[in-house]
Amino acid sequence: MAGVQVEIITPSELFYKSVTESLTCTTTDGEEGFLPKHAWCCKLLSEKGRVHVKTPEGTYKTASIKGGYVEIRDNFVVFTQEAEWIDK
């Protein structure tokens, strides 16, 4: 599967930038997943949620987030107040 660029941005930094095969976010409507070539959309993120990024190698990176929104277009961009990697 072809990847798509994903960025996670907080007010203070570019928290993460890479290529992903899929992105799953905790939105205000629940868990939602996005794949490359998804229809363009913008979704509000939960005040206490998570973002799961699938790497091209097939592993997952998970970050806890605090609110914001995700913009799905040719690239995926997560705008959030805070982001922190979760150790598994």
N, C-alpha and C. Protein backbone atom coordinates (compact mmCIF):
# COMPACT_ATOMS: atom_id res chain seq x y z
N MET A 1 0.85 -1.18 0.00
CA MET A 1 0.00 0.00 0.00
C MET A 1 0.89 1.24 0.00
N ALA A 2 0.53 2.22 -0.78
CA ALA A 2 1.28 3.47 -0.82
C ALA A 2 1.00 4.27 0.44
N GLY A 3 1.99 4.99 0.90
CA GLY A 3 1.84 5.79 2.11
C GLY A 3 1.45 7.21 1.80
N VAL A 4 1.16 7.94 2.85
CA VAL A 4 0.81 9.34 2.77
C VAL A 4 1.54 10.07 3.90
N GLN A 5 1.91 11.31 3.67
CA GLN A 5 2.61 12.08 4.70
C GLN A 5 1.64 12.44 5.82
N VAL A 6 2.11 12.28 7.06
CA VAL A 6 1.32 12.66 8.22
C VAL A 6 2.16 13.59 9.09
N GLU A 7 1.51 14.60 9.64
CA GLU A 7 2.16 15.53 10.57
C GLU A 7 1.27 15.66 11.79
N ILE A 8 1.90 15.72 12.96
CA ILE A 8 1.20 16.03 14.21
C ILE A 8 1.81 17.33 14.71
N ILE A 9 0.98 18.36 14.81
CA ILE A 9 1.46 19.70 15.14
C ILE A 9 0.80 20.21 16.42
N THR A 10 1.63 20.72 17.34
CA THR A 10 1.13 21.37 18.55
C THR A 10 1.47 22.86 18.43
N PRO A 11 0.93 23.70 19.30
CA PRO A 11 1.26 25.13 19.23
C PRO A 11 2.76 25.41 19.39
N SER A 12 3.50 24.50 20.04
CA SER A 12 4.91 24.77 20.31
C SER A 12 5.89 24.03 19.40
N GLU A 13 5.41 23.01 18.64
CA GLU A 13 6.36 22.25 17.83
C GLU A 13 5.69 21.41 16.76
N LEU A 14 6.50 20.98 15.80
CA LEU A 14 6.12 19.94 14.88
C LEU A 14 6.47 18.64 15.60
N PHE A 15 5.48 18.01 16.21
CA PHE A 15 5.70 16.86 17.08
C PHE A 15 6.15 15.63 16.30
N TYR A 16 5.59 15.43 15.10
CA TYR A 16 5.90 14.23 14.32
C TYR A 16 5.65 14.50 12.86
N LYS A 17 6.53 13.97 12.01
CA LYS A 17 6.35 14.07 10.56
C LYS A 17 6.97 12.83 9.93
N SER A 18 6.17 12.10 9.17
CA SER A 18 6.66 10.88 8.53
C SER A 18 5.65 10.44 7.48
N VAL A 19 5.81 9.22 7.01
CA VAL A 19 4.87 8.61 6.08
C VAL A 19 4.09 7.56 6.84
N THR A 20 2.81 7.44 6.55
CA THR A 20 1.97 6.45 7.22
C THR A 20 1.17 5.65 6.21
N GLU A 21 0.81 4.44 6.59
CA GLU A 21 -0.10 3.63 5.78
C GLU A 21 -1.53 3.79 6.26
N SER A 22 -1.70 4.19 7.53
CA SER A 22 -3.03 4.46 8.06
C SER A 22 -2.90 5.33 9.30
N LEU A 23 -3.98 6.05 9.59
CA LEU A 23 -4.04 6.92 10.76
C LEU A 23 -5.37 6.68 11.44
N THR A 24 -5.34 6.45 12.74
CA THR A 24 -6.57 6.30 13.52
C THR A 24 -6.55 7.34 14.62
N CYS A 25 -7.66 8.06 14.77
CA CYS A 25 -7.75 9.14 15.76
C CYS A 25 -9.01 8.98 16.60
N THR A 26 -8.95 9.47 17.84
CA THR A 26 -10.13 9.53 18.68
C THR A 26 -10.81 10.86 18.40
N THR A 27 -11.90 10.81 17.65
CA THR A 27 -12.65 12.03 17.33
C THR A 27 -13.80 12.18 18.33
N THR A 28 -14.53 13.26 18.20
CA THR A 28 -15.69 13.46 19.08
C THR A 28 -16.79 12.44 18.79
N ASP A 29 -16.72 11.76 17.65
CA ASP A 29 -17.69 10.72 17.29
C ASP A 29 -17.17 9.32 17.60
N GLY A 30 -15.95 9.19 18.14
CA GLY A 30 -15.37 7.89 18.43
C GLY A 30 -14.11 7.66 17.60
N GLU A 31 -13.62 6.42 17.57
CA GLU A 31 -12.41 6.08 16.82
C GLU A 31 -12.72 6.12 15.31
N GLU A 32 -11.88 6.82 14.56
CA GLU A 32 -12.05 6.88 13.11
C GLU A 32 -10.70 6.63 12.46
N GLY A 33 -10.72 5.84 11.39
CA GLY A 33 -9.50 5.51 10.68
C GLY A 33 -9.48 6.11 9.29
N PHE A 34 -8.27 6.41 8.82
CA PHE A 34 -8.09 7.04 7.52
C PHE A 34 -6.97 6.35 6.77
N LEU A 35 -7.19 6.10 5.48
CA LEU A 35 -6.21 5.49 4.61
C LEU A 35 -5.85 6.46 3.49
N PRO A 36 -4.71 6.25 2.81
CA PRO A 36 -4.38 7.11 1.67
C PRO A 36 -5.55 7.16 0.67
N LYS A 37 -5.72 8.32 0.07
CA LYS A 37 -6.79 8.58 -0.91
C LYS A 37 -8.18 8.61 -0.28
N HIS A 38 -8.24 8.82 1.04
CA HIS A 38 -9.53 8.98 1.73
C HIS A 38 -10.19 10.26 1.23
N ALA A 39 -11.49 10.30 1.25
CA ALA A 39 -12.22 11.52 0.90
C ALA A 39 -11.77 12.64 1.83
N TRP A 40 -11.63 13.83 1.28
CA TRP A 40 -11.18 14.96 2.10
C TRP A 40 -12.21 15.24 3.19
N CYS A 41 -11.69 15.51 4.40
CA CYS A 41 -12.58 15.82 5.52
C CYS A 41 -11.78 16.50 6.63
N CYS A 42 -12.52 17.02 7.58
CA CYS A 42 -11.93 17.63 8.77
C CYS A 42 -12.77 17.16 9.95
N LYS A 43 -12.11 16.60 10.98
CA LYS A 43 -12.82 16.04 12.13
C LYS A 43 -12.30 16.62 13.42
N LEU A 44 -13.19 16.93 14.35
CA LEU A 44 -12.80 17.39 15.68
C LEU A 44 -12.27 16.21 16.49
N LEU A 45 -11.21 16.45 17.25
CA LEU A 45 -10.61 15.41 18.08
C LEU A 45 -11.11 15.50 19.51
N SER A 46 -11.16 14.37 20.17
CA SER A 46 -11.59 14.30 21.56
C SER A 46 -10.62 15.06 22.45
N GLU A 47 -11.12 15.63 23.54
CA GLU A 47 -10.26 16.36 24.48
C GLU A 47 -9.20 15.45 25.10
N LYS A 48 -9.51 14.19 25.28
CA LYS A 48 -8.54 13.20 25.77
C LYS A 48 -8.61 12.03 24.81
N GLY A 49 -7.69 11.98 23.88
CA GLY A 49 -7.74 10.94 22.87
C GLY A 49 -6.37 10.41 22.51
N ARG A 50 -6.36 9.64 21.44
CA ARG A 50 -5.12 9.03 20.96
C ARG A 50 -5.05 9.11 19.45
N VAL A 51 -3.82 9.07 18.97
CA VAL A 51 -3.55 8.99 17.54
C VAL A 51 -2.66 7.77 17.33
N HIS A 52 -3.06 6.89 16.41
CA HIS A 52 -2.28 5.69 16.08
C HIS A 52 -1.78 5.86 14.64
N VAL A 53 -0.48 5.81 14.45
CA VAL A 53 0.13 5.96 13.13
C VAL A 53 0.75 4.62 12.75
N LYS A 54 0.37 4.07 11.59
CA LYS A 54 0.97 2.83 11.12
C LYS A 54 2.12 3.18 10.19
N THR A 55 3.31 2.71 10.52
CA THR A 55 4.50 3.01 9.72
C THR A 55 4.53 2.10 8.49
N PRO A 56 5.31 2.47 7.47
CA PRO A 56 5.45 1.61 6.29
C PRO A 56 6.00 0.22 6.64
N GLU A 57 6.71 0.10 7.76
CA GLU A 57 7.25 -1.19 8.20
C GLU A 57 6.19 -2.06 8.87
N GLY A 58 5.01 -1.49 9.12
CA GLY A 58 3.92 -2.25 9.73
C GLY A 58 3.82 -2.13 11.23
N THR A 59 4.66 -1.32 11.85
CA THR A 59 4.57 -1.09 13.29
C THR A 59 3.68 0.12 13.56
N TYR A 60 3.27 0.26 14.81
CA TYR A 60 2.40 1.38 15.19
C TYR A 60 3.09 2.28 16.20
N LYS A 61 2.85 3.58 16.06
CA LYS A 61 3.27 4.57 17.05
C LYS A 61 1.98 5.18 17.58
N THR A 62 1.89 5.31 18.90
CA THR A 62 0.68 5.85 19.52
C THR A 62 1.02 7.05 20.39
N ALA A 63 0.25 8.12 20.22
CA ALA A 63 0.44 9.32 21.02
C ALA A 63 -0.88 9.68 21.68
N SER A 64 -0.79 10.14 22.92
CA SER A 64 -1.98 10.71 23.56
C SER A 64 -2.06 12.17 23.12
N ILE A 65 -3.27 12.65 22.91
CA ILE A 65 -3.46 14.02 22.43
C ILE A 65 -4.51 14.72 23.28
N LYS A 66 -4.55 16.04 23.15
CA LYS A 66 -5.52 16.84 23.89
C LYS A 66 -6.23 17.77 22.91
N GLY A 67 -7.39 17.32 22.43
CA GLY A 67 -8.23 18.15 21.57
C GLY A 67 -7.62 18.49 20.24
N GLY A 68 -8.31 19.39 19.52
CA GLY A 68 -7.85 19.85 18.22
C GLY A 68 -8.68 19.26 17.10
N TYR A 69 -8.04 19.12 15.94
CA TYR A 69 -8.74 18.53 14.80
C TYR A 69 -7.75 17.86 13.86
N VAL A 70 -8.26 16.99 13.01
CA VAL A 70 -7.44 16.32 12.00
C VAL A 70 -7.99 16.75 10.64
N GLU A 71 -7.08 17.09 9.76
CA GLU A 71 -7.43 17.48 8.40
C GLU A 71 -6.92 16.39 7.46
N ILE A 72 -7.84 15.78 6.74
CA ILE A 72 -7.51 14.70 5.81
C ILE A 72 -7.64 15.24 4.39
N ARG A 73 -6.53 15.32 3.72
CA ARG A 73 -6.49 15.76 2.31
C ARG A 73 -5.47 14.87 1.62
N ASP A 74 -4.66 15.44 0.72
CA ASP A 74 -3.61 14.65 0.09
C ASP A 74 -2.59 14.21 1.14
N ASN A 75 -2.45 15.00 2.20
CA ASN A 75 -1.64 14.67 3.37
C ASN A 75 -2.55 14.69 4.59
N PHE A 76 -2.14 14.05 5.68
CA PHE A 76 -2.91 14.04 6.92
C PHE A 76 -2.22 14.96 7.92
N VAL A 77 -2.96 15.89 8.50
CA VAL A 77 -2.38 16.80 9.49
C VAL A 77 -3.26 16.81 10.74
N VAL A 78 -2.63 16.52 11.89
CA VAL A 78 -3.30 16.54 13.18
C VAL A 78 -2.85 17.80 13.90
N PHE A 79 -3.79 18.67 14.21
CA PHE A 79 -3.52 19.88 14.98
C PHE A 79 -4.08 19.64 16.38
N THR A 80 -3.23 19.69 17.41
CA THR A 80 -3.67 19.40 18.77
C THR A 80 -2.96 20.30 19.77
N GLN A 81 -3.55 20.47 20.94
CA GLN A 81 -2.95 21.32 21.97
C GLN A 81 -1.72 20.67 22.59
N GLU A 82 -1.77 19.35 22.77
CA GLU A 82 -0.65 18.63 23.37
C GLU A 82 -0.56 17.25 22.74
N ALA A 83 0.66 16.71 22.66
CA ALA A 83 0.87 15.36 22.18
C ALA A 83 2.05 14.75 22.93
N GLU A 84 1.92 13.47 23.27
CA GLU A 84 2.98 12.77 24.01
C GLU A 84 2.96 11.30 23.59
N TRP A 85 4.13 10.74 23.28
CA TRP A 85 4.20 9.33 22.90
C TRP A 85 3.85 8.45 24.09
N ILE A 86 3.13 7.38 23.80
CA ILE A 86 2.77 6.40 24.82
C ILE A 86 3.66 5.20 24.64
N ASP A 87 4.35 4.80 25.72
CA ASP A 87 5.20 3.62 25.69
C ASP A 87 4.33 2.39 25.79
N LYS A 88 4.66 1.39 24.98
CA LYS A 88 3.90 0.14 25.04
C LYS A 88 4.72 -0.93 25.68
